[in-house]
Amino acid sequence: MADTTGKKENRRTKSALYNHILLATDGSESAKKAEENALLMAKANGARLTVVHVMDDSLCHYGRIDTLVPAGAGEDFNHYVISEQESEARKVIRRFTVLAESSGVNFDLSVRLGNPVTEIAAVSDELSSDLVIIGGKKNPGVRGVKFTGTADKVAAECRCSIMIII
């Protein structure tokens, strides 16, 4: 029966679980697995996919080196660290773009500078994503499922479902 209300029909299948997936990637091995899963989930759900890569600004203050070096050198150090992170971000994004194109999945991109946990949670809130996919590392010293690092902290901060890929 034709729709006479003038409303556009939702093209998603009624079984779609997720409408907006946020993939957090840093290019690590577990992040690469998360990327593959995000592409599969986005395609299967007809979901919008946003990719976030966060350049960690705490590295600019590693060991408080920026306060221990002569005037001007600390600023040079910060510029160097950010430059290296930007270079790495470009590599991660280029590699993911090729993967996404070969999968036929379109995506939006967000590159941020800051604390990865804070920025990932902020992007998730801003976009009202209903799933965050992130790579993680299992803690071998703990029985059961216990992740370490950024993924575990993101899971505690985000208000939506989290999929941690190891």
N, C-alpha and C. Protein backbone atom coordinates (compact mmCIF):
# COMPACT_ATOMS: atom_id res chain seq x y z
N MET A 1 0.83 -1.16 0.00
CA MET A 1 0.00 0.00 0.00
C MET A 1 0.88 1.24 0.00
N ALA A 2 0.56 2.22 -0.76
CA ALA A 2 1.35 3.44 -0.88
C ALA A 2 1.17 4.30 0.37
N ASP A 3 2.23 5.00 0.72
CA ASP A 3 2.20 5.90 1.87
C ASP A 3 1.61 7.22 1.42
N THR A 4 0.50 7.61 2.00
CA THR A 4 -0.15 8.86 1.61
C THR A 4 0.06 9.95 2.66
N THR A 5 0.89 9.66 3.68
CA THR A 5 1.10 10.65 4.74
C THR A 5 2.20 11.64 4.38
N GLY A 6 2.96 11.34 3.35
CA GLY A 6 4.07 12.21 2.97
C GLY A 6 5.34 11.94 3.74
N LYS A 7 5.32 11.00 4.67
CA LYS A 7 6.52 10.66 5.44
C LYS A 7 7.39 9.73 4.61
N LYS A 8 8.70 9.92 4.72
CA LYS A 8 9.64 9.03 4.03
C LYS A 8 9.72 7.72 4.77
N GLU A 9 9.78 6.65 4.02
CA GLU A 9 9.88 5.32 4.61
C GLU A 9 11.29 5.09 5.12
N ASN A 10 11.40 4.50 6.29
CA ASN A 10 12.71 4.14 6.84
C ASN A 10 13.22 2.94 6.07
N ARG A 11 14.40 3.07 5.47
CA ARG A 11 14.96 1.99 4.65
C ARG A 11 15.60 0.89 5.47
N ARG A 12 15.81 1.10 6.75
CA ARG A 12 16.42 0.09 7.59
C ARG A 12 15.44 -1.06 7.79
N THR A 13 16.02 -2.22 7.96
CA THR A 13 15.17 -3.36 8.26
C THR A 13 14.71 -3.22 9.71
N LYS A 14 13.59 -3.77 10.01
CA LYS A 14 13.06 -3.67 11.37
C LYS A 14 13.95 -4.38 12.37
N SER A 15 14.82 -5.26 11.89
CA SER A 15 15.68 -6.01 12.79
C SER A 15 17.01 -5.30 13.07
N ALA A 16 17.22 -4.13 12.52
CA ALA A 16 18.47 -3.42 12.75
C ALA A 16 18.60 -3.07 14.23
N LEU A 17 19.72 -3.45 14.81
CA LEU A 17 19.96 -3.17 16.23
C LEU A 17 20.56 -1.80 16.45
N TYR A 18 21.35 -1.35 15.49
CA TYR A 18 22.10 -0.12 15.68
C TYR A 18 21.88 0.83 14.50
N ASN A 19 21.72 2.10 14.81
CA ASN A 19 21.56 3.12 13.78
C ASN A 19 22.82 3.93 13.56
N HIS A 20 23.60 4.11 14.62
CA HIS A 20 24.83 4.91 14.50
C HIS A 20 25.93 4.25 15.31
N ILE A 21 26.94 3.77 14.61
CA ILE A 21 28.07 3.09 15.23
C ILE A 21 29.28 4.02 15.24
N LEU A 22 29.93 4.09 16.38
CA LEU A 22 31.17 4.86 16.50
C LEU A 22 32.31 3.87 16.65
N LEU A 23 33.26 3.94 15.75
CA LEU A 23 34.48 3.13 15.81
C LEU A 23 35.61 4.00 16.31
N ALA A 24 36.24 3.58 17.41
CA ALA A 24 37.42 4.28 17.92
C ALA A 24 38.63 3.45 17.52
N THR A 25 39.55 4.05 16.78
CA THR A 25 40.71 3.30 16.32
C THR A 25 42.00 4.08 16.52
N ASP A 26 43.04 3.33 16.87
CA ASP A 26 44.38 3.90 16.97
C ASP A 26 45.35 3.19 16.05
N GLY A 27 44.84 2.24 15.27
CA GLY A 27 45.69 1.52 14.32
C GLY A 27 46.39 0.31 14.90
N SER A 28 46.18 0.02 16.18
CA SER A 28 46.81 -1.15 16.80
C SER A 28 46.21 -2.42 16.23
N GLU A 29 46.79 -3.56 16.57
CA GLU A 29 46.28 -4.83 16.06
C GLU A 29 44.84 -5.08 16.49
N SER A 30 44.53 -4.82 17.76
CA SER A 30 43.15 -5.03 18.21
C SER A 30 42.21 -4.00 17.57
N ALA A 31 42.71 -2.80 17.30
CA ALA A 31 41.90 -1.78 16.63
C ALA A 31 41.60 -2.20 15.19
N LYS A 32 42.55 -2.86 14.54
CA LYS A 32 42.31 -3.35 13.17
C LYS A 32 41.19 -4.37 13.16
N LYS A 33 41.17 -5.25 14.18
CA LYS A 33 40.08 -6.22 14.30
C LYS A 33 38.76 -5.49 14.55
N ALA A 34 38.81 -4.45 15.37
CA ALA A 34 37.61 -3.66 15.66
C ALA A 34 37.11 -2.97 14.39
N GLU A 35 38.03 -2.50 13.56
CA GLU A 35 37.65 -1.86 12.30
C GLU A 35 36.86 -2.83 11.41
N GLU A 36 37.37 -4.05 11.29
CA GLU A 36 36.69 -5.06 10.47
C GLU A 36 35.29 -5.35 11.02
N ASN A 37 35.19 -5.47 12.33
CA ASN A 37 33.89 -5.73 12.96
C ASN A 37 32.94 -4.55 12.78
N ALA A 38 33.45 -3.34 12.88
CA ALA A 38 32.61 -2.15 12.71
C ALA A 38 32.04 -2.08 11.29
N LEU A 39 32.87 -2.40 10.32
CA LEU A 39 32.40 -2.40 8.93
C LEU A 39 31.31 -3.45 8.73
N LEU A 40 31.50 -4.64 9.29
CA LEU A 40 30.49 -5.69 9.19
C LEU A 40 29.19 -5.29 9.88
N MET A 41 29.30 -4.72 11.07
CA MET A 41 28.12 -4.31 11.83
C MET A 41 27.38 -3.17 11.12
N ALA A 42 28.12 -2.21 10.60
CA ALA A 42 27.48 -1.09 9.90
C ALA A 42 26.73 -1.58 8.67
N LYS A 43 27.38 -2.45 7.94
CA LYS A 43 26.76 -2.98 6.72
C LYS A 43 25.52 -3.83 7.06
N ALA A 44 25.63 -4.69 8.04
CA ALA A 44 24.53 -5.58 8.41
C ALA A 44 23.33 -4.81 8.95
N ASN A 45 23.58 -3.68 9.63
CA ASN A 45 22.50 -2.92 10.24
C ASN A 45 22.06 -1.72 9.40
N GLY A 46 22.76 -1.47 8.29
CA GLY A 46 22.45 -0.28 7.51
C GLY A 46 22.70 0.97 8.34
N ALA A 47 23.68 0.88 9.25
CA ALA A 47 23.93 1.94 10.21
C ALA A 47 24.91 2.97 9.68
N ARG A 48 24.79 4.16 10.19
CA ARG A 48 25.77 5.21 9.94
C ARG A 48 27.03 4.84 10.74
N LEU A 49 28.19 5.04 10.15
CA LEU A 49 29.46 4.73 10.81
C LEU A 49 30.30 6.00 10.91
N THR A 50 30.73 6.28 12.12
CA THR A 50 31.67 7.39 12.34
C THR A 50 32.92 6.80 12.94
N VAL A 51 34.06 7.24 12.44
CA VAL A 51 35.36 6.78 12.92
C VAL A 51 36.01 7.92 13.67
N VAL A 52 36.50 7.63 14.88
CA VAL A 52 37.21 8.64 15.65
C VAL A 52 38.62 8.13 15.92
N HIS A 53 39.58 9.03 15.71
CA HIS A 53 40.98 8.77 16.04
C HIS A 53 41.40 9.91 16.95
N VAL A 54 41.90 9.57 18.14
CA VAL A 54 42.28 10.60 19.10
C VAL A 54 43.79 10.63 19.25
N MET A 55 44.34 11.81 19.04
CA MET A 55 45.77 12.03 19.28
C MET A 55 45.91 12.43 20.75
N ASP A 56 46.61 11.61 21.50
CA ASP A 56 46.71 11.77 22.95
C ASP A 56 47.61 12.94 23.31
N ASP A 57 47.01 14.00 23.85
CA ASP A 57 47.81 15.18 24.18
C ASP A 57 48.65 15.00 25.44
N SER A 58 48.41 13.95 26.21
CA SER A 58 49.23 13.73 27.40
C SER A 58 50.67 13.37 27.02
N LEU A 59 50.86 12.88 25.80
CA LEU A 59 52.21 12.56 25.35
C LEU A 59 53.07 13.81 25.22
N CYS A 60 52.43 14.96 25.09
CA CYS A 60 53.18 16.22 25.00
C CYS A 60 53.83 16.57 26.33
N HIS A 61 53.36 15.95 27.39
CA HIS A 61 53.87 16.26 28.73
C HIS A 61 54.53 15.04 29.36
N TYR A 62 54.91 14.09 28.51
CA TYR A 62 55.49 12.84 28.97
C TYR A 62 56.64 13.10 29.93
N GLY A 63 56.52 12.59 31.13
CA GLY A 63 57.57 12.76 32.13
C GLY A 63 57.79 14.21 32.49
N ARG A 64 56.81 15.05 32.18
CA ARG A 64 56.90 16.50 32.42
C ARG A 64 58.14 17.10 31.74
N ILE A 65 58.56 16.47 30.66
CA ILE A 65 59.76 16.93 29.95
C ILE A 65 59.61 18.37 29.46
N ASP A 66 58.36 18.74 29.15
CA ASP A 66 58.13 20.09 28.65
C ASP A 66 58.48 21.15 29.69
N THR A 67 58.48 20.79 30.98
CA THR A 67 58.83 21.76 32.02
C THR A 67 60.29 21.66 32.45
N LEU A 68 60.99 20.64 31.97
CA LEU A 68 62.37 20.41 32.41
C LEU A 68 63.41 20.88 31.41
N VAL A 69 62.98 21.28 30.24
CA VAL A 69 63.93 21.68 29.20
C VAL A 69 63.98 23.21 29.12
N PRO A 70 65.03 23.75 28.51
CA PRO A 70 65.15 25.21 28.40
C PRO A 70 63.95 25.82 27.68
N ALA A 71 63.72 27.08 27.96
CA ALA A 71 62.61 27.81 27.33
C ALA A 71 62.63 27.63 25.82
N GLY A 72 61.49 27.38 25.25
CA GLY A 72 61.39 27.18 23.80
C GLY A 72 61.52 25.73 23.39
N ALA A 73 62.38 24.98 24.08
CA ALA A 73 62.58 23.57 23.73
C ALA A 73 61.34 22.74 24.05
N GLY A 74 60.66 23.09 25.13
CA GLY A 74 59.44 22.39 25.49
C GLY A 74 58.38 22.54 24.42
N GLU A 75 58.26 23.74 23.90
CA GLU A 75 57.29 24.00 22.82
C GLU A 75 57.68 23.22 21.57
N ASP A 76 58.99 23.17 21.27
CA ASP A 76 59.46 22.38 20.13
C ASP A 76 59.13 20.90 20.32
N PHE A 77 59.30 20.42 21.56
CA PHE A 77 58.98 19.03 21.86
C PHE A 77 57.49 18.76 21.61
N ASN A 78 56.63 19.66 22.09
CA ASN A 78 55.19 19.50 21.89
C ASN A 78 54.84 19.47 20.41
N HIS A 79 55.43 20.37 19.63
CA HIS A 79 55.17 20.40 18.18
C HIS A 79 55.62 19.09 17.53
N TYR A 80 56.77 18.59 17.97
CA TYR A 80 57.28 17.33 17.42
C TYR A 80 56.32 16.18 17.72
N VAL A 81 55.86 16.07 18.98
CA VAL A 81 54.97 14.99 19.37
C VAL A 81 53.66 15.07 18.58
N ILE A 82 53.10 16.25 18.46
CA ILE A 82 51.84 16.41 17.73
C ILE A 82 52.05 16.11 16.25
N SER A 83 53.17 16.53 15.70
CA SER A 83 53.48 16.25 14.29
C SER A 83 53.56 14.74 14.05
N GLU A 84 54.21 14.02 14.96
CA GLU A 84 54.32 12.57 14.83
C GLU A 84 52.94 11.91 14.94
N GLN A 85 52.12 12.41 15.84
CA GLN A 85 50.77 11.85 15.98
C GLN A 85 49.91 12.14 14.75
N GLU A 86 50.05 13.32 14.18
CA GLU A 86 49.31 13.65 12.96
C GLU A 86 49.72 12.73 11.82
N SER A 87 51.01 12.45 11.72
CA SER A 87 51.51 11.54 10.69
C SER A 87 50.93 10.14 10.89
N GLU A 88 50.91 9.67 12.12
CA GLU A 88 50.35 8.35 12.42
C GLU A 88 48.84 8.34 12.14
N ALA A 89 48.16 9.42 12.48
CA ALA A 89 46.71 9.52 12.23
C ALA A 89 46.43 9.40 10.74
N ARG A 90 47.22 10.08 9.93
CA ARG A 90 47.03 10.00 8.47
C ARG A 90 47.19 8.57 7.97
N LYS A 91 48.17 7.84 8.50
CA LYS A 91 48.38 6.44 8.10
C LYS A 91 47.18 5.58 8.48
N VAL A 92 46.71 5.74 9.71
CA VAL A 92 45.57 4.95 10.19
C VAL A 92 44.34 5.24 9.33
N ILE A 93 44.10 6.50 9.06
CA ILE A 93 42.92 6.90 8.29
C ILE A 93 43.02 6.41 6.84
N ARG A 94 44.20 6.53 6.24
CA ARG A 94 44.37 6.05 4.86
C ARG A 94 44.10 4.55 4.76
N ARG A 95 44.67 3.79 5.70
CA ARG A 95 44.48 2.35 5.68
C ARG A 95 43.02 1.98 5.89
N PHE A 96 42.35 2.67 6.83
CA PHE A 96 40.94 2.37 7.07
C PHE A 96 40.07 2.77 5.87
N THR A 97 40.40 3.86 5.24
CA THR A 97 39.62 4.32 4.08
C THR A 97 39.65 3.27 2.98
N VAL A 98 40.80 2.69 2.73
CA VAL A 98 40.92 1.63 1.71
C VAL A 98 40.06 0.44 2.11
N LEU A 99 40.12 0.05 3.38
CA LEU A 99 39.33 -1.07 3.88
C LEU A 99 37.83 -0.79 3.74
N ALA A 100 37.41 0.41 4.11
CA ALA A 100 35.99 0.77 4.04
C ALA A 100 35.50 0.82 2.60
N GLU A 101 36.32 1.38 1.72
CA GLU A 101 35.93 1.46 0.31
C GLU A 101 35.77 0.06 -0.29
N SER A 102 36.68 -0.85 0.07
CA SER A 102 36.57 -2.21 -0.46
C SER A 102 35.36 -2.95 0.11
N SER A 103 34.88 -2.50 1.27
CA SER A 103 33.69 -3.09 1.89
C SER A 103 32.40 -2.42 1.42
N GLY A 104 32.55 -1.28 0.75
CA GLY A 104 31.37 -0.55 0.29
C GLY A 104 30.65 0.19 1.40
N VAL A 105 31.38 0.56 2.46
CA VAL A 105 30.77 1.25 3.59
C VAL A 105 31.28 2.69 3.62
N ASN A 106 30.36 3.64 3.67
CA ASN A 106 30.72 5.05 3.82
C ASN A 106 30.86 5.36 5.31
N PHE A 107 31.68 6.35 5.62
CA PHE A 107 31.87 6.71 7.02
C PHE A 107 32.19 8.18 7.15
N ASP A 108 31.92 8.71 8.33
CA ASP A 108 32.32 10.06 8.70
C ASP A 108 33.55 9.92 9.57
N LEU A 109 34.33 10.99 9.63
CA LEU A 109 35.60 10.93 10.34
C LEU A 109 35.70 12.08 11.34
N SER A 110 36.24 11.76 12.50
CA SER A 110 36.52 12.76 13.52
C SER A 110 37.92 12.50 14.06
N VAL A 111 38.80 13.48 13.95
CA VAL A 111 40.15 13.38 14.52
C VAL A 111 40.21 14.42 15.63
N ARG A 112 40.59 13.97 16.80
CA ARG A 112 40.60 14.84 17.98
C ARG A 112 41.97 14.84 18.63
N LEU A 113 42.23 15.88 19.39
CA LEU A 113 43.43 15.97 20.23
C LEU A 113 42.95 16.08 21.66
N GLY A 114 43.41 15.18 22.51
CA GLY A 114 43.01 15.21 23.91
C GLY A 114 43.19 13.85 24.55
N ASN A 115 42.49 13.65 25.65
CA ASN A 115 42.52 12.37 26.34
C ASN A 115 41.62 11.40 25.57
N PRO A 116 42.15 10.26 25.11
CA PRO A 116 41.35 9.35 24.30
C PRO A 116 40.03 8.94 24.93
N VAL A 117 40.03 8.62 26.21
CA VAL A 117 38.80 8.19 26.88
C VAL A 117 37.76 9.32 26.86
N THR A 118 38.18 10.50 27.26
CA THR A 118 37.28 11.65 27.31
C THR A 118 36.75 11.99 25.93
N GLU A 119 37.63 11.99 24.94
CA GLU A 119 37.22 12.38 23.58
C GLU A 119 36.30 11.34 22.94
N ILE A 120 36.58 10.07 23.13
CA ILE A 120 35.72 9.02 22.56
C ILE A 120 34.32 9.12 23.17
N ALA A 121 34.26 9.26 24.50
CA ALA A 121 32.96 9.39 25.17
C ALA A 121 32.23 10.64 24.70
N ALA A 122 32.97 11.74 24.51
CA ALA A 122 32.35 12.99 24.06
C ALA A 122 31.77 12.85 22.65
N VAL A 123 32.53 12.24 21.75
CA VAL A 123 32.04 12.04 20.38
C VAL A 123 30.80 11.15 20.40
N SER A 124 30.84 10.10 21.20
CA SER A 124 29.69 9.21 21.30
C SER A 124 28.45 9.97 21.76
N ASP A 125 28.60 10.83 22.76
CA ASP A 125 27.47 11.63 23.25
C ASP A 125 27.01 12.64 22.20
N GLU A 126 27.96 13.34 21.59
CA GLU A 126 27.62 14.35 20.58
C GLU A 126 26.82 13.76 19.43
N LEU A 127 27.19 12.55 19.03
CA LEU A 127 26.55 11.93 17.86
C LEU A 127 25.38 11.02 18.24
N SER A 128 25.15 10.86 19.53
CA SER A 128 24.11 9.94 20.01
C SER A 128 24.29 8.55 19.41
N SER A 129 25.53 8.09 19.39
CA SER A 129 25.79 6.75 18.85
C SER A 129 25.16 5.73 19.79
N ASP A 130 24.73 4.61 19.22
CA ASP A 130 24.15 3.58 20.06
C ASP A 130 25.07 2.38 20.22
N LEU A 131 26.26 2.44 19.62
CA LEU A 131 27.27 1.40 19.80
C LEU A 131 28.64 2.00 19.56
N VAL A 132 29.56 1.74 20.48
CA VAL A 132 30.96 2.10 20.31
C VAL A 132 31.73 0.80 20.15
N ILE A 133 32.53 0.71 19.10
CA ILE A 133 33.39 -0.45 18.88
C ILE A 133 34.83 0.00 19.05
N ILE A 134 35.58 -0.73 19.87
CA ILE A 134 36.96 -0.36 20.17
C ILE A 134 37.78 -1.62 20.40
N GLY A 135 39.03 -1.57 20.03
CA GLY A 135 39.94 -2.68 20.29
C GLY A 135 40.43 -2.62 21.72
N GLY A 136 40.70 -3.78 22.30
CA GLY A 136 41.18 -3.82 23.67
C GLY A 136 42.17 -4.95 23.87
N LYS A 137 42.73 -4.99 25.05
CA LYS A 137 43.67 -6.04 25.41
C LYS A 137 43.15 -6.71 26.66
N LYS A 138 43.16 -8.02 26.64
CA LYS A 138 42.72 -8.78 27.81
C LYS A 138 43.86 -8.82 28.81
N ASN A 139 43.53 -8.66 30.07
CA ASN A 139 44.51 -8.72 31.13
C ASN A 139 44.76 -10.18 31.47
N PRO A 140 45.95 -10.71 31.13
CA PRO A 140 46.21 -12.14 31.33
C PRO A 140 46.27 -12.54 32.80
N GLY A 141 46.43 -11.59 33.70
CA GLY A 141 46.54 -11.91 35.11
C GLY A 141 45.21 -12.00 35.83
N VAL A 142 44.12 -11.73 35.13
CA VAL A 142 42.81 -11.70 35.77
C VAL A 142 41.91 -12.75 35.13
N ARG A 143 41.28 -13.58 35.96
CA ARG A 143 40.34 -14.58 35.43
C ARG A 143 39.07 -13.88 34.98
N GLY A 144 38.42 -14.47 34.02
CA GLY A 144 37.19 -13.88 33.50
C GLY A 144 37.52 -12.83 32.46
N VAL A 145 36.57 -11.99 32.19
CA VAL A 145 36.76 -10.96 31.17
C VAL A 145 37.13 -9.66 31.85
N LYS A 146 38.36 -9.28 31.72
CA LYS A 146 38.84 -8.01 32.26
C LYS A 146 39.76 -7.41 31.22
N PHE A 147 39.43 -6.22 30.78
CA PHE A 147 40.24 -5.55 29.78
C PHE A 147 41.09 -4.50 30.46
N THR A 148 42.14 -4.10 29.78
CA THR A 148 43.02 -3.10 30.36
C THR A 148 43.10 -1.89 29.45
N GLY A 149 43.42 -0.79 30.01
CA GLY A 149 43.69 0.41 29.23
C GLY A 149 42.46 1.17 28.79
N THR A 150 42.59 1.77 27.62
CA THR A 150 41.59 2.69 27.11
C THR A 150 40.21 2.05 26.95
N ALA A 151 40.15 0.85 26.42
CA ALA A 151 38.85 0.22 26.16
C ALA A 151 38.02 0.08 27.44
N ASP A 152 38.65 -0.37 28.50
CA ASP A 152 37.96 -0.55 29.78
C ASP A 152 37.44 0.79 30.30
N LYS A 153 38.26 1.82 30.18
CA LYS A 153 37.86 3.15 30.66
C LYS A 153 36.75 3.74 29.80
N VAL A 154 36.82 3.52 28.48
CA VAL A 154 35.76 4.00 27.59
C VAL A 154 34.44 3.32 27.95
N ALA A 155 34.49 2.02 28.22
CA ALA A 155 33.28 1.28 28.60
C ALA A 155 32.64 1.89 29.85
N ALA A 156 33.46 2.36 30.77
CA ALA A 156 32.93 2.96 32.00
C ALA A 156 32.35 4.36 31.75
N GLU A 157 32.83 5.06 30.73
CA GLU A 157 32.41 6.44 30.47
C GLU A 157 31.24 6.59 29.52
N CYS A 158 31.11 5.68 28.57
CA CYS A 158 30.08 5.84 27.53
C CYS A 158 28.71 5.42 28.04
N ARG A 159 27.69 6.08 27.48
CA ARG A 159 26.31 5.80 27.90
C ARG A 159 25.58 4.88 26.92
N CYS A 160 26.32 4.28 26.00
CA CYS A 160 25.69 3.39 25.03
C CYS A 160 26.36 2.02 25.10
N SER A 161 25.93 1.12 24.26
CA SER A 161 26.54 -0.21 24.22
C SER A 161 27.99 -0.12 23.75
N ILE A 162 28.83 -0.99 24.27
CA ILE A 162 30.25 -1.02 23.92
C ILE A 162 30.59 -2.42 23.45
N MET A 163 31.33 -2.51 22.35
CA MET A 163 31.85 -3.78 21.88
C MET A 163 33.37 -3.67 21.90
N ILE A 164 34.01 -4.46 22.77
CA ILE A 164 35.47 -4.46 22.87
C ILE A 164 35.97 -5.69 22.12
N ILE A 165 36.81 -5.46 21.13
CA ILE A 165 37.35 -6.53 20.31
C ILE A 165 38.79 -6.80 20.73
N ILE A 166 39.08 -8.08 21.02
CA ILE A 166 40.46 -8.44 21.39
C ILE A 166 41.05 -9.35 20.34
